[in-house]
Amino acid sequence: ASLIFCILGVPVGIVSKRSGRIGGFAVGVLVVIIYYVVNVACELLVTSLIIPPFAGAWMPNIIFLLLTGTWFYNMSRQ
């Protein structure tokens, strides 16, 4: 997760240059809150035996890896 957040920092930094300091901070806080919600949701799915523990542990990281790749690609095209 730390590596994904480091890579995600590049597009967030680009957004913060366009919208000011508060905009970048708000995007950063929003990203952390969304990661936490996805992590808790996956934990709930594991405890209710809907998905296996391995998938529940890695699903938030995979989701954010895809989000980071998509956001990084879109920002690099602009």
C-alpha atoms as a PDB file:
ATOM      1  CA  ALA A   1       0.000   0.000   0.000  1.00  0.00           C
ATOM      2  CA  SER A   2       2.863   2.397   0.749  1.00  0.00           C
ATOM      3  CA  LEU A   3       4.345   1.969  -2.723  1.00  0.00           C
ATOM      4  CA  ILE A   4       0.952   2.508  -4.338  1.00  0.00           C
ATOM      5  CA  PHE A   5       0.387   5.668  -2.277  1.00  0.00           C
ATOM      6  CA  CYS A   6       3.827   6.954  -3.296  1.00  0.00           C
ATOM      7  CA  ILE A   7       3.044   6.457  -6.977  1.00  0.00           C
ATOM      8  CA  LEU A   8      -0.420   7.964  -6.454  1.00  0.00           C
ATOM      9  CA  GLY A   9       1.268  11.080  -5.074  1.00  0.00           C
ATOM     10  CA  VAL A  10       2.361  12.170  -8.553  1.00  0.00           C
ATOM     11  CA  PRO A  11      -1.152  12.717  -9.978  1.00  0.00           C
ATOM     12  CA  VAL A  12      -2.313  14.169  -6.656  1.00  0.00           C
ATOM     13  CA  GLY A  13       0.598  16.618  -6.846  1.00  0.00           C
ATOM     14  CA  ILE A  14      -0.462  17.643 -10.332  1.00  0.00           C
ATOM     15  CA  VAL A  15      -4.018  18.200  -9.136  1.00  0.00           C
ATOM     16  CA  SER A  16      -2.787  20.222  -6.161  1.00  0.00           C
ATOM     17  CA  LYS A  17      -0.837  22.578  -8.446  1.00  0.00           C
ATOM     18  CA  ARG A  18      -4.007  23.309 -10.366  1.00  0.00           C
ATOM     19  CA  SER A  19      -6.352  23.717  -7.402  1.00  0.00           C
ATOM     20  CA  GLY A  20      -4.066  25.145  -4.727  1.00  0.00           C
ATOM     21  CA  ARG A  21      -2.805  23.752  -1.463  1.00  0.00           C
ATOM     22  CA  ILE A  22      -6.204  22.966   0.033  1.00  0.00           C
ATOM     23  CA  GLY A  23      -7.268  21.084  -3.099  1.00  0.00           C
ATOM     24  CA  GLY A  24      -4.302  18.716  -2.917  1.00  0.00           C
ATOM     25  CA  PHE A  25      -4.827  18.191   0.803  1.00  0.00           C
ATOM     26  CA  ALA A  26      -8.515  17.437   0.244  1.00  0.00           C
ATOM     27  CA  VAL A  27      -7.711  14.940  -2.503  1.00  0.00           C
ATOM     28  CA  GLY A  28      -5.126  13.265  -0.259  1.00  0.00           C
ATOM     29  CA  VAL A  29      -7.539  12.965   2.651  1.00  0.00           C
ATOM     30  CA  LEU A  30     -10.246  11.659   0.335  1.00  0.00           C
ATOM     31  CA  VAL A  31      -7.893   8.988  -1.040  1.00  0.00           C
ATOM     32  CA  VAL A  32      -6.989   7.804   2.475  1.00  0.00           C
ATOM     33  CA  ILE A  33     -10.654   7.705   3.539  1.00  0.00           C
ATOM     34  CA  ILE A  34     -11.633   5.725   0.437  1.00  0.00           C
ATOM     35  CA  TYR A  35      -8.767   3.275   1.023  1.00  0.00           C
ATOM     36  CA  TYR A  36      -9.871   2.809   4.634  1.00  0.00           C
ATOM     37  CA  VAL A  37     -13.501   2.194   3.620  1.00  0.00           C
ATOM     38  CA  VAL A  38     -12.462  -0.342   0.964  1.00  0.00           C
ATOM     39  CA  ASN A  39     -10.165  -2.051   3.472  1.00  0.00           C
ATOM     40  CA  VAL A  40     -12.940  -2.318   6.081  1.00  0.00           C
ATOM     41  CA  ALA A  41     -15.396  -3.548   3.445  1.00  0.00           C
ATOM     42  CA  CYS A  42     -12.992  -6.277   2.362  1.00  0.00           C
ATOM     43  CA  GLU A  43     -12.461  -7.243   5.993  1.00  0.00           C
ATOM     44  CA  LEU A  44     -16.231  -7.545   6.385  1.00  0.00           C
ATOM     45  CA  LEU A  45     -16.408  -9.747   3.292  1.00  0.00           C
ATOM     46  CA  VAL A  46     -13.697 -11.997   4.735  1.00  0.00           C
ATOM     47  CA  THR A  47     -15.354 -12.320   8.148  1.00  0.00           C
ATOM     48  CA  SER A  48     -18.684 -13.176   6.525  1.00  0.00           C
ATOM     49  CA  LEU A  49     -16.884 -15.845   4.430  1.00  0.00           C
ATOM     50  CA  ILE A  50     -17.838 -14.311   1.070  1.00  0.00           C
ATOM     51  CA  ILE A  51     -14.258 -14.016  -0.180  1.00  0.00           C
ATOM     52  CA  PRO A  52     -11.099 -15.852   0.922  1.00  0.00           C
ATOM     53  CA  PRO A  53      -8.698 -14.090   3.326  1.00  0.00           C
ATOM     54  CA  PHE A  54      -5.931 -13.784   0.722  1.00  0.00           C
ATOM     55  CA  ALA A  55      -8.237 -11.962  -1.687  1.00  0.00           C
ATOM     56  CA  GLY A  56      -9.614  -9.778   1.093  1.00  0.00           C
ATOM     57  CA  ALA A  57      -6.137  -8.726   2.153  1.00  0.00           C
ATOM     58  CA  TRP A  58      -4.971  -7.827  -1.354  1.00  0.00           C
ATOM     59  CA  MET A  59      -8.173  -6.472  -2.900  1.00  0.00           C
ATOM     60  CA  PRO A  60      -7.806  -2.870  -1.592  1.00  0.00           C
ATOM     61  CA  ASN A  61      -4.234  -2.753  -2.885  1.00  0.00           C
ATOM     62  CA  ILE A  62      -5.225  -4.118  -6.292  1.00  0.00           C
ATOM     63  CA  ILE A  63      -8.121  -1.661  -6.562  1.00  0.00           C
ATOM     64  CA  PHE A  64      -5.849   1.249  -5.697  1.00  0.00           C
ATOM     65  CA  LEU A  65      -3.144  -0.016  -8.041  1.00  0.00           C
ATOM     66  CA  LEU A  66      -5.649   0.059 -10.904  1.00  0.00           C
ATOM     67  CA  LEU A  67      -6.906   3.487  -9.786  1.00  0.00           C
ATOM     68  CA  THR A  68      -3.335   4.785  -9.570  1.00  0.00           C
ATOM     69  CA  GLY A  69      -2.450   3.441 -13.014  1.00  0.00           C
ATOM     70  CA  THR A  70      -5.559   4.938 -14.552  1.00  0.00           C
ATOM     71  CA  TRP A  71      -5.109   8.318 -12.859  1.00  0.00           C
ATOM     72  CA  PHE A  72      -1.389   8.413 -13.684  1.00  0.00           C
ATOM     73  CA  TYR A  73      -2.105   7.582 -17.340  1.00  0.00           C
ATOM     74  CA  ASN A  74      -4.811  10.259 -17.607  1.00  0.00           C
ATOM     75  CA  MET A  75      -2.593  12.908 -16.015  1.00  0.00           C
ATOM     76  CA  SER A  76       0.337  12.040 -18.273  1.00  0.00           C
ATOM     77  CA  ARG A  77      -1.818  12.504 -21.364  1.00  0.00           C
ATOM     78  CA  GLN A  78      -2.832  16.040 -20.328  1.00  0.00           C
END
